[in-house]
Amino acid sequence: MISRFINQLFYFYYLLLIIRIFLTWIPNIDWESQPFAVMRSLTDPFLNIFRGIIPPIGGMLDISPIIAFFALQFLQIGINWILAALGL
């Protein structure tokens, strides 16, 4: 039951990240207005970790979200493994 809840949280966060990435392609979005400010405050701290490691290619193509998705997937697998080992 706990692992199912954790997986749903990860799924929700995956959706937020995908929406955030697609919205960056729309140039006229005011990121300070709602609901964009909340989405940005939830997703950017995680994405900024990888943006600091991997600079944009050619100054425009940001591949750091791909690495962020892999890291999030590994984190989800690790948490599920720990919960399974604990019998939760």
C-alpha atoms as a PDB file:
ATOM      1  CA  MET A   1       0.000   0.000   0.000  1.00  0.00           C
ATOM      2  CA  ILE A   2       2.830   2.404   0.819  1.00  0.00           C
ATOM      3  CA  SER A   3       4.702   1.447  -2.345  1.00  0.00           C
ATOM      4  CA  ARG A   4       1.588   2.097  -4.420  1.00  0.00           C
ATOM      5  CA  PHE A   5       1.259   5.576  -2.903  1.00  0.00           C
ATOM      6  CA  ILE A   6       4.956   6.285  -3.537  1.00  0.00           C
ATOM      7  CA  ASN A   7       4.599   5.133  -7.150  1.00  0.00           C
ATOM      8  CA  GLN A   8       1.605   7.440  -7.619  1.00  0.00           C
ATOM      9  CA  LEU A   9       3.652  10.361  -6.283  1.00  0.00           C
ATOM     10  CA  PHE A  10       6.424   9.553  -8.750  1.00  0.00           C
ATOM     11  CA  TYR A  11       3.870   9.296 -11.580  1.00  0.00           C
ATOM     12  CA  PHE A  12       2.452  12.712 -10.645  1.00  0.00           C
ATOM     13  CA  TYR A  13       5.944  14.209 -10.596  1.00  0.00           C
ATOM     14  CA  TYR A  14       6.754  12.642 -13.979  1.00  0.00           C
ATOM     15  CA  LEU A  15       3.645  14.317 -15.396  1.00  0.00           C
ATOM     16  CA  LEU A  16       4.628  17.663 -13.891  1.00  0.00           C
ATOM     17  CA  LEU A  17       8.093  17.380 -15.421  1.00  0.00           C
ATOM     18  CA  ILE A  18       6.719  16.490 -18.855  1.00  0.00           C
ATOM     19  CA  ILE A  19       4.265  19.378 -18.783  1.00  0.00           C
ATOM     20  CA  ARG A  20       7.005  21.751 -17.590  1.00  0.00           C
ATOM     21  CA  ILE A  21       9.309  20.661 -20.408  1.00  0.00           C
ATOM     22  CA  PHE A  22       6.614  21.064 -23.073  1.00  0.00           C
ATOM     23  CA  LEU A  23       5.648  24.488 -21.733  1.00  0.00           C
ATOM     24  CA  THR A  24       9.210  25.735 -22.181  1.00  0.00           C
ATOM     25  CA  TRP A  25       8.595  25.540 -25.926  1.00  0.00           C
ATOM     26  CA  ILE A  26       5.873  28.201 -25.632  1.00  0.00           C
ATOM     27  CA  PRO A  27       7.677  31.544 -25.567  1.00  0.00           C
ATOM     28  CA  ASN A  28       4.916  33.795 -24.196  1.00  0.00           C
ATOM     29  CA  ILE A  29       4.257  32.044 -20.881  1.00  0.00           C
ATOM     30  CA  ASP A  30       4.491  34.240 -17.796  1.00  0.00           C
ATOM     31  CA  TRP A  31       6.222  31.900 -15.328  1.00  0.00           C
ATOM     32  CA  GLU A  32       5.408  34.242 -12.447  1.00  0.00           C
ATOM     33  CA  SER A  33       1.628  33.795 -12.829  1.00  0.00           C
ATOM     34  CA  GLN A  34      -0.360  30.872 -11.468  1.00  0.00           C
ATOM     35  CA  PRO A  35      -0.429  27.881 -12.050  1.00  0.00           C
ATOM     36  CA  PHE A  36       2.934  28.171 -13.799  1.00  0.00           C
ATOM     37  CA  ALA A  37       4.724  29.570 -10.751  1.00  0.00           C
ATOM     38  CA  VAL A  38       3.730  26.553  -8.660  1.00  0.00           C
ATOM     39  CA  MET A  39       4.785  24.134 -11.392  1.00  0.00           C
ATOM     40  CA  ARG A  40       8.094  25.934 -11.724  1.00  0.00           C
ATOM     41  CA  SER A  41       8.714  25.907  -7.979  1.00  0.00           C
ATOM     42  CA  LEU A  42       8.017  22.157  -7.856  1.00  0.00           C
ATOM     43  CA  THR A  43      10.078  21.080 -10.850  1.00  0.00           C
ATOM     44  CA  ASP A  44      12.937  23.556 -11.287  1.00  0.00           C
ATOM     45  CA  PRO A  45      14.906  22.668  -8.130  1.00  0.00           C
ATOM     46  CA  PHE A  46      15.181  19.071  -9.371  1.00  0.00           C
ATOM     47  CA  LEU A  47      15.912  20.056 -12.980  1.00  0.00           C
ATOM     48  CA  ASN A  48      18.480  22.674 -11.939  1.00  0.00           C
ATOM     49  CA  ILE A  49      20.649  19.950 -10.415  1.00  0.00           C
ATOM     50  CA  PHE A  50      21.123  18.478 -13.871  1.00  0.00           C
ATOM     51  CA  ARG A  51      21.235  21.823 -15.684  1.00  0.00           C
ATOM     52  CA  GLY A  52      24.274  22.654 -13.589  1.00  0.00           C
ATOM     53  CA  ILE A  53      25.989  19.420 -14.627  1.00  0.00           C
ATOM     54  CA  ILE A  54      25.053  19.342 -18.311  1.00  0.00           C
ATOM     55  CA  PRO A  55      25.089  22.678 -20.155  1.00  0.00           C
ATOM     56  CA  PRO A  56      22.754  23.183 -23.124  1.00  0.00           C
ATOM     57  CA  ILE A  57      24.132  21.908 -26.429  1.00  0.00           C
ATOM     58  CA  GLY A  58      24.802  24.808 -28.742  1.00  0.00           C
ATOM     59  CA  GLY A  59      23.321  27.118 -26.130  1.00  0.00           C
ATOM     60  CA  MET A  60      19.778  26.067 -27.017  1.00  0.00           C
ATOM     61  CA  LEU A  61      19.187  22.315 -26.700  1.00  0.00           C
ATOM     62  CA  ASP A  62      18.827  21.324 -23.059  1.00  0.00           C
ATOM     63  CA  ILE A  63      19.206  17.559 -22.614  1.00  0.00           C
ATOM     64  CA  SER A  64      19.386  17.717 -18.818  1.00  0.00           C
ATOM     65  CA  PRO A  65      15.699  16.666 -18.443  1.00  0.00           C
ATOM     66  CA  ILE A  66      16.565  13.338 -20.052  1.00  0.00           C
ATOM     67  CA  ILE A  67      19.197  12.699 -17.394  1.00  0.00           C
ATOM     68  CA  ALA A  68      16.759  13.942 -14.743  1.00  0.00           C
ATOM     69  CA  PHE A  69      14.179  11.367 -15.875  1.00  0.00           C
ATOM     70  CA  PHE A  70      16.770   8.581 -15.656  1.00  0.00           C
ATOM     71  CA  ALA A  71      17.796   9.707 -12.174  1.00  0.00           C
ATOM     72  CA  LEU A  72      14.175   9.896 -11.048  1.00  0.00           C
ATOM     73  CA  GLN A  73      13.555   6.416 -12.436  1.00  0.00           C
ATOM     74  CA  PHE A  74      16.572   5.021 -10.550  1.00  0.00           C
ATOM     75  CA  LEU A  75      15.373   6.745  -7.383  1.00  0.00           C
ATOM     76  CA  GLN A  76      11.918   5.221  -7.792  1.00  0.00           C
ATOM     77  CA  ILE A  77      13.379   1.753  -8.345  1.00  0.00           C
ATOM     78  CA  GLY A  78      15.625   2.133  -5.310  1.00  0.00           C
ATOM     79  CA  ILE A  79      12.796   3.250  -3.052  1.00  0.00           C
ATOM     80  CA  ASN A  80      10.601   0.389  -4.284  1.00  0.00           C
ATOM     81  CA  TRP A  81      13.418  -2.073  -3.657  1.00  0.00           C
ATOM     82  CA  ILE A  82      13.878  -0.790  -0.098  1.00  0.00           C
ATOM     83  CA  LEU A  83      10.138  -0.914   0.588  1.00  0.00           C
ATOM     84  CA  ALA A  84       9.957  -4.465  -0.782  1.00  0.00           C
ATOM     85  CA  ALA A  85      12.887  -5.512   1.391  1.00  0.00           C
ATOM     86  CA  LEU A  86      11.096  -4.065   4.426  1.00  0.00           C
ATOM     87  CA  GLY A  87       7.880  -5.828   3.422  1.00  0.00           C
ATOM     88  CA  LEU A  88       5.923  -2.597   2.971  1.00  0.00           C
END
